[in-house]
Structure formats: structure tokens, C-alpha cells
N, C-alpha and C. Protein backbone atom coordinates (compact mmCIF):
# COMPACT_ATOMS: atom_id res chain seq x y z
N MET A 1 28.87 -14.80 9.57
CA MET A 1 29.27 -15.61 8.42
C MET A 1 28.13 -16.57 8.09
N ASP A 2 27.77 -16.63 6.84
CA ASP A 2 26.78 -17.59 6.37
C ASP A 2 27.51 -18.90 6.09
N LEU A 3 27.33 -19.88 6.98
CA LEU A 3 28.11 -21.12 6.86
C LEU A 3 27.79 -21.90 5.60
N ARG A 4 26.55 -21.88 5.16
CA ARG A 4 26.20 -22.61 3.94
C ARG A 4 26.97 -22.00 2.76
N ARG A 5 26.97 -20.69 2.66
CA ARG A 5 27.68 -20.02 1.58
C ARG A 5 29.18 -20.30 1.66
N GLU A 6 29.73 -20.27 2.87
CA GLU A 6 31.15 -20.56 3.06
C GLU A 6 31.47 -22.01 2.68
N ALA A 7 30.59 -22.95 3.02
CA ALA A 7 30.81 -24.35 2.68
C ALA A 7 30.83 -24.54 1.16
N VAL A 8 29.90 -23.92 0.47
CA VAL A 8 29.85 -24.02 -0.99
C VAL A 8 31.11 -23.40 -1.60
N ARG A 9 31.52 -22.25 -1.09
CA ARG A 9 32.72 -21.59 -1.59
C ARG A 9 33.96 -22.48 -1.41
N LEU A 10 34.08 -23.08 -0.22
CA LEU A 10 35.22 -23.96 0.05
C LEU A 10 35.21 -25.18 -0.86
N ARG A 11 34.03 -25.79 -1.02
CA ARG A 11 33.93 -26.98 -1.88
C ARG A 11 34.35 -26.64 -3.31
N ASN A 12 33.87 -25.51 -3.82
CA ASN A 12 34.21 -25.10 -5.18
C ASN A 12 35.69 -24.77 -5.31
N GLU A 13 36.24 -24.12 -4.31
CA GLU A 13 37.68 -23.79 -4.34
C GLU A 13 38.53 -25.06 -4.38
N LEU A 14 38.19 -26.03 -3.57
CA LEU A 14 38.97 -27.27 -3.54
C LEU A 14 38.80 -28.05 -4.84
N ARG A 15 37.62 -28.02 -5.39
CA ARG A 15 37.36 -28.75 -6.63
C ARG A 15 38.12 -28.11 -7.80
N THR A 16 38.12 -26.79 -7.89
CA THR A 16 38.73 -26.14 -9.04
C THR A 16 40.24 -25.97 -8.91
N THR A 17 40.74 -25.68 -7.72
CA THR A 17 42.18 -25.43 -7.59
C THR A 17 42.99 -26.69 -7.34
N LEU A 18 42.41 -27.65 -6.63
CA LEU A 18 43.17 -28.85 -6.28
C LEU A 18 42.60 -30.13 -6.87
N GLN A 19 41.48 -30.03 -7.59
CA GLN A 19 40.79 -31.20 -8.14
C GLN A 19 40.53 -32.25 -7.07
N VAL A 20 40.03 -31.78 -5.92
CA VAL A 20 39.75 -32.64 -4.78
C VAL A 20 38.26 -32.59 -4.48
N ALA A 21 37.66 -33.76 -4.31
CA ALA A 21 36.26 -33.82 -3.91
C ALA A 21 36.21 -33.84 -2.39
N ALA A 22 35.67 -32.78 -1.82
CA ALA A 22 35.60 -32.67 -0.36
C ALA A 22 34.16 -32.74 0.08
N LYS A 23 33.95 -33.32 1.24
CA LYS A 23 32.63 -33.30 1.87
C LYS A 23 32.69 -32.21 2.93
N ILE A 24 31.81 -31.26 2.81
CA ILE A 24 31.79 -30.14 3.74
C ILE A 24 30.41 -30.08 4.38
N SER A 25 30.41 -30.13 5.70
CA SER A 25 29.13 -30.06 6.41
C SER A 25 29.13 -28.84 7.31
N TRP A 26 27.93 -28.32 7.51
CA TRP A 26 27.76 -27.16 8.38
C TRP A 26 26.47 -27.37 9.14
N GLY A 27 26.33 -26.70 10.23
CA GLY A 27 25.11 -26.89 10.98
C GLY A 27 25.06 -26.06 12.24
N GLY A 28 24.35 -26.61 13.21
CA GLY A 28 24.12 -25.91 14.46
C GLY A 28 25.41 -25.50 15.16
N LEU A 29 25.28 -24.52 15.97
CA LEU A 29 26.40 -23.98 16.75
C LEU A 29 27.55 -23.53 15.85
N ARG A 30 27.19 -23.09 14.64
CA ARG A 30 28.17 -22.54 13.69
C ARG A 30 29.28 -23.54 13.37
N GLU A 31 28.91 -24.81 13.30
CA GLU A 31 29.88 -25.87 13.00
C GLU A 31 30.16 -25.90 11.50
N LEU A 32 31.42 -26.11 11.15
CA LEU A 32 31.87 -26.26 9.78
C LEU A 32 32.96 -27.32 9.79
N THR A 33 32.75 -28.40 9.04
CA THR A 33 33.72 -29.49 9.01
C THR A 33 34.03 -29.82 7.56
N VAL A 34 35.32 -29.99 7.26
CA VAL A 34 35.77 -30.33 5.91
C VAL A 34 36.44 -31.69 5.97
N LEU A 35 35.94 -32.62 5.14
CA LEU A 35 36.51 -33.97 5.08
C LEU A 35 37.00 -34.25 3.66
N VAL A 36 38.17 -34.87 3.55
CA VAL A 36 38.72 -35.31 2.28
C VAL A 36 39.18 -36.75 2.46
N ASP A 37 38.71 -37.61 1.58
CA ASP A 37 39.04 -39.05 1.68
C ASP A 37 38.72 -39.60 3.06
N GLY A 38 37.63 -39.14 3.65
CA GLY A 38 37.20 -39.65 4.95
C GLY A 38 37.96 -39.10 6.14
N ARG A 39 38.93 -38.22 5.89
CA ARG A 39 39.72 -37.64 6.98
C ARG A 39 39.30 -36.20 7.22
N THR A 40 39.20 -35.83 8.48
CA THR A 40 38.85 -34.46 8.82
C THR A 40 40.04 -33.57 8.56
N VAL A 41 39.84 -32.59 7.68
CA VAL A 41 40.89 -31.64 7.34
C VAL A 41 40.78 -30.42 8.24
N PHE A 42 39.53 -30.00 8.51
CA PHE A 42 39.32 -28.84 9.37
C PHE A 42 37.99 -28.99 10.07
N SER A 43 37.96 -28.66 11.34
CA SER A 43 36.73 -28.62 12.14
C SER A 43 36.72 -27.31 12.90
N ARG A 44 35.70 -26.52 12.64
CA ARG A 44 35.59 -25.25 13.36
C ARG A 44 35.44 -25.50 14.86
N ARG A 45 34.75 -26.55 15.21
CA ARG A 45 34.56 -26.87 16.63
C ARG A 45 35.89 -27.18 17.30
N GLN A 46 36.73 -27.98 16.65
CA GLN A 46 38.03 -28.33 17.23
C GLN A 46 38.99 -27.15 17.24
N ALA A 47 38.96 -26.35 16.16
CA ALA A 47 39.88 -25.22 16.06
C ALA A 47 39.41 -24.04 16.91
N GLY A 48 38.11 -23.97 17.16
CA GLY A 48 37.57 -22.86 17.94
C GLY A 48 37.49 -21.55 17.15
N ARG A 49 37.56 -21.67 15.82
CA ARG A 49 37.53 -20.48 14.97
C ARG A 49 37.19 -20.89 13.54
N ALA A 50 36.89 -19.88 12.73
CA ALA A 50 36.65 -20.12 11.31
C ALA A 50 37.99 -20.31 10.60
N PRO A 51 38.01 -21.00 9.47
CA PRO A 51 39.27 -21.15 8.73
C PRO A 51 39.73 -19.83 8.16
N LYS A 52 41.03 -19.65 8.13
CA LYS A 52 41.63 -18.45 7.54
C LYS A 52 41.66 -18.62 6.02
N PRO A 53 41.70 -17.52 5.27
CA PRO A 53 41.76 -17.63 3.81
C PRO A 53 42.94 -18.50 3.37
N GLY A 54 42.67 -19.45 2.51
CA GLY A 54 43.70 -20.34 1.98
C GLY A 54 44.10 -21.47 2.91
N GLU A 55 43.63 -21.47 4.14
CA GLU A 55 44.04 -22.49 5.12
C GLU A 55 43.59 -23.89 4.72
N ILE A 56 42.37 -24.04 4.26
CA ILE A 56 41.86 -25.36 3.90
C ILE A 56 42.67 -25.94 2.74
N ALA A 57 42.94 -25.13 1.73
CA ALA A 57 43.74 -25.61 0.59
C ALA A 57 45.13 -26.05 1.05
N ARG A 58 45.76 -25.27 1.92
CA ARG A 58 47.08 -25.66 2.44
C ARG A 58 47.00 -26.99 3.20
N LEU A 59 45.97 -27.16 3.99
CA LEU A 59 45.82 -28.39 4.77
C LEU A 59 45.62 -29.59 3.84
N VAL A 60 44.82 -29.41 2.81
CA VAL A 60 44.58 -30.51 1.85
C VAL A 60 45.86 -30.86 1.12
N LYS A 61 46.62 -29.86 0.70
CA LYS A 61 47.90 -30.11 0.03
C LYS A 61 48.85 -30.89 0.91
N SER A 62 48.81 -30.62 2.21
CA SER A 62 49.72 -31.29 3.14
C SER A 62 49.37 -32.76 3.33
N LEU A 63 48.17 -33.18 2.92
CA LEU A 63 47.79 -34.59 3.03
C LEU A 63 48.59 -35.45 2.06
N GLY A 64 49.07 -34.85 1.00
CA GLY A 64 49.88 -35.58 0.04
C GLY A 64 49.12 -36.16 -1.02
């Protein structure tokens, strides 16, 4: 998985479908972290896996 491409895809998905500005970082050790309003929504390191399709959007919606 190309993490940079995945990060851009996730950012665009959140911006267009939920009108949410997310900060998405990627880097060494295949890390991918998604933050919304300063809160971590998803961390690949903590989850031990890549996000499933639609998972990030569901998590953001659950923030309220």
C-alpha cells in the first residue's frame, strides 16, 4: 500500500463526503494517523492494521 496515496485519498474522502478537515500523517514503519479536531480518529500503529474501507468515515461520524 502506498501510504501517501492512501492519506490523500482519505483526506479527500473526508472533505467531500463529510465536509471535515482532517490532518493525515504517514511515515516510517508504515504509520498512518488520522486526526480530526486534534483527536486521533485512527492510528495504524495502535490498530495494528490498515483501515478498512469506510472505517474512517464511520469513526468521524461517531465523533458527533
